[in-house]
Amino acid sequence: MNHLWGGIRRKSFSLKRWLAICSDDLTMNGRYRTTTNLLRKYLGDFLIASYLDVTLESGYDDEYIKEIERTVLLKTLDYFWRDHLVNMNRLSSAVNSFRNSLNHKCQISHKVEERGITG
């Protein structure tokens, strides 16, 4: 079973690399847009067809497959939601840190003005 996950990770890495290539500046400017769209459609169709073949060959009934799909979907959604919350927490911390540093500078500036010290 462990070798299966290693293969999935390698395929995932390859897919990430391919997606990075397909979203570079040349694609955005239109030079490879048509080719990229064709490749995306082909890969999407290929992945769906491969998935359907595997589920049919597995011998599991439709209800079991649907439950697995539901579980994977919910876990994926949960993963990305948690990642989003972590990013929002980091953003909030950065904003608060910036705000605190501004408040500190304002306090120092007011103290300098109160004492009549000029720079």
Protein backbone atom coordinates (compact mmCIF):
# COMPACT_ATOMS: atom_id res chain seq x y z
CA MET A 1 0.00 0.00 0.00
CA ASN A 2 2.89 2.36 0.79
CA HIS A 3 4.21 2.09 -2.78
CA LEU A 4 0.80 3.27 -4.00
CA TRP A 5 1.04 6.52 -2.03
CA GLY A 6 4.56 7.15 -3.32
CA GLY A 7 3.28 6.82 -6.88
CA ILE A 8 0.40 9.17 -6.16
CA ARG A 9 2.78 11.74 -4.65
CA ARG A 10 5.05 11.55 -7.70
CA LYS A 11 2.07 11.96 -10.03
CA SER A 12 0.80 14.84 -7.92
CA PHE A 13 4.21 16.52 -8.12
CA SER A 14 4.31 16.02 -11.89
CA LEU A 15 0.82 17.48 -12.20
CA LYS A 16 1.83 20.49 -10.09
CA ARG A 17 4.87 21.02 -12.32
CA TRP A 18 2.72 20.77 -15.43
CA LEU A 19 0.19 23.24 -14.01
CA ALA A 20 3.01 25.66 -13.18
CA ILE A 21 4.26 25.43 -16.74
CA CYS A 22 0.74 26.00 -18.08
CA SER A 23 0.25 29.12 -16.01
CA ASP A 24 3.47 30.92 -16.84
CA ASP A 25 3.70 34.35 -18.46
CA LEU A 26 3.73 32.97 -22.01
CA THR A 27 0.39 31.30 -21.41
CA MET A 28 -1.12 34.41 -19.91
CA ASN A 29 -0.04 36.49 -22.90
CA GLY A 30 -1.76 34.10 -25.27
CA ARG A 31 1.22 32.52 -26.99
CA TYR A 32 0.33 28.99 -25.83
CA ARG A 33 -3.25 29.57 -24.70
CA THR A 34 -4.85 27.30 -27.33
CA THR A 35 -2.39 24.48 -26.69
CA THR A 36 -2.80 24.85 -22.95
CA ASN A 37 -6.57 24.70 -23.15
CA LEU A 38 -6.41 21.59 -25.34
CA LEU A 39 -4.00 19.92 -22.91
CA ARG A 40 -6.21 20.82 -19.95
CA LYS A 41 -9.26 19.36 -21.68
CA TYR A 42 -7.35 16.23 -22.70
CA LEU A 43 -5.96 15.70 -19.21
CA GLY A 44 -9.34 16.31 -17.62
CA ASP A 45 -11.01 13.81 -19.95
CA PHE A 46 -8.17 11.34 -19.42
CA LEU A 47 -8.35 11.59 -15.62
CA ILE A 48 -12.13 11.16 -15.59
CA ALA A 49 -11.98 8.17 -17.96
CA SER A 50 -9.17 6.58 -15.92
CA TYR A 51 -11.12 7.10 -12.71
CA LEU A 52 -14.25 5.54 -14.19
CA ASP A 53 -12.24 2.54 -15.43
CA VAL A 54 -10.70 1.99 -12.01
CA THR A 55 -14.03 2.26 -10.19
CA LEU A 56 -15.70 -0.17 -12.61
CA GLU A 57 -12.85 -2.67 -12.33
CA SER A 58 -12.79 -2.43 -8.54
CA GLY A 59 -16.02 -4.38 -8.20
CA TYR A 60 -17.35 -2.14 -5.44
CA ASP A 61 -21.01 -1.17 -5.54
CA ASP A 62 -22.10 2.37 -6.39
CA GLU A 63 -23.07 3.28 -2.83
CA TYR A 64 -19.61 2.39 -1.51
CA ILE A 65 -17.92 4.38 -4.29
CA LYS A 66 -20.17 7.38 -3.59
CA GLU A 67 -19.31 7.20 0.11
CA ILE A 68 -15.59 7.18 -0.71
CA GLU A 69 -16.03 10.12 -3.10
CA ARG A 70 -17.99 12.01 -0.44
CA THR A 71 -15.31 11.35 2.17
CA VAL A 72 -12.51 12.46 -0.16
CA LEU A 73 -14.44 15.57 -1.12
CA LEU A 74 -15.14 16.52 2.50
CA LYS A 75 -11.56 15.87 3.59
CA THR A 76 -10.24 17.94 0.70
CA LEU A 77 -12.64 20.77 1.45
CA ASP A 78 -11.70 20.60 5.13
CA TYR A 79 -7.99 20.70 4.28
CA PHE A 80 -8.34 23.79 2.12
CA TRP A 81 -10.68 25.47 4.63
CA ARG A 82 -8.15 24.92 7.43
CA ASP A 83 -5.38 26.23 5.20
CA HIS A 84 -7.51 29.30 4.48
CA LEU A 85 -8.10 29.86 8.21
CA VAL A 86 -4.37 29.57 8.92
CA ASN A 87 -3.64 32.13 6.19
CA MET A 88 -6.30 34.50 7.56
CA ASN A 89 -4.79 34.13 11.03
CA ARG A 90 -1.35 34.98 9.66
CA LEU A 91 -2.76 37.97 7.82
CA SER A 92 -4.52 39.16 10.97
CA SER A 93 -1.30 38.79 12.97
CA ALA A 94 0.65 40.75 10.37
CA VAL A 95 -1.93 43.54 10.33
CA ASN A 96 -1.98 43.69 14.14
CA SER A 97 1.81 43.76 14.27
CA PHE A 98 1.91 46.60 11.75
CA ARG A 99 -0.80 48.47 13.63
CA ASN A 100 1.06 48.03 16.93
CA SER A 101 4.30 49.34 15.44
CA LEU A 102 2.46 52.39 14.08
CA ASN A 103 0.85 53.01 17.47
CA HIS A 104 4.25 52.73 19.13
CA LYS A 105 5.77 55.26 16.69
CA CYS A 106 2.83 57.62 17.27
CA GLN A 107 3.28 57.38 21.05
CA ILE A 108 6.98 58.18 20.76
CA SER A 109 6.19 61.09 18.46
CA HIS A 110 3.63 62.49 20.93
CA LYS A 111 6.08 62.14 23.83
CA VAL A 112 8.72 63.99 21.85
CA GLU A 113 6.25 66.77 21.05
CA GLU A 114 5.10 67.01 24.70
CA ARG A 115 8.64 67.43 25.94
CA GLY A 116 9.38 70.04 23.34
CA ILE A 117 12.22 68.08 21.87
CA THR A 118 12.73 68.82 18.22
CA GLY A 119 14.86 66.83 15.87
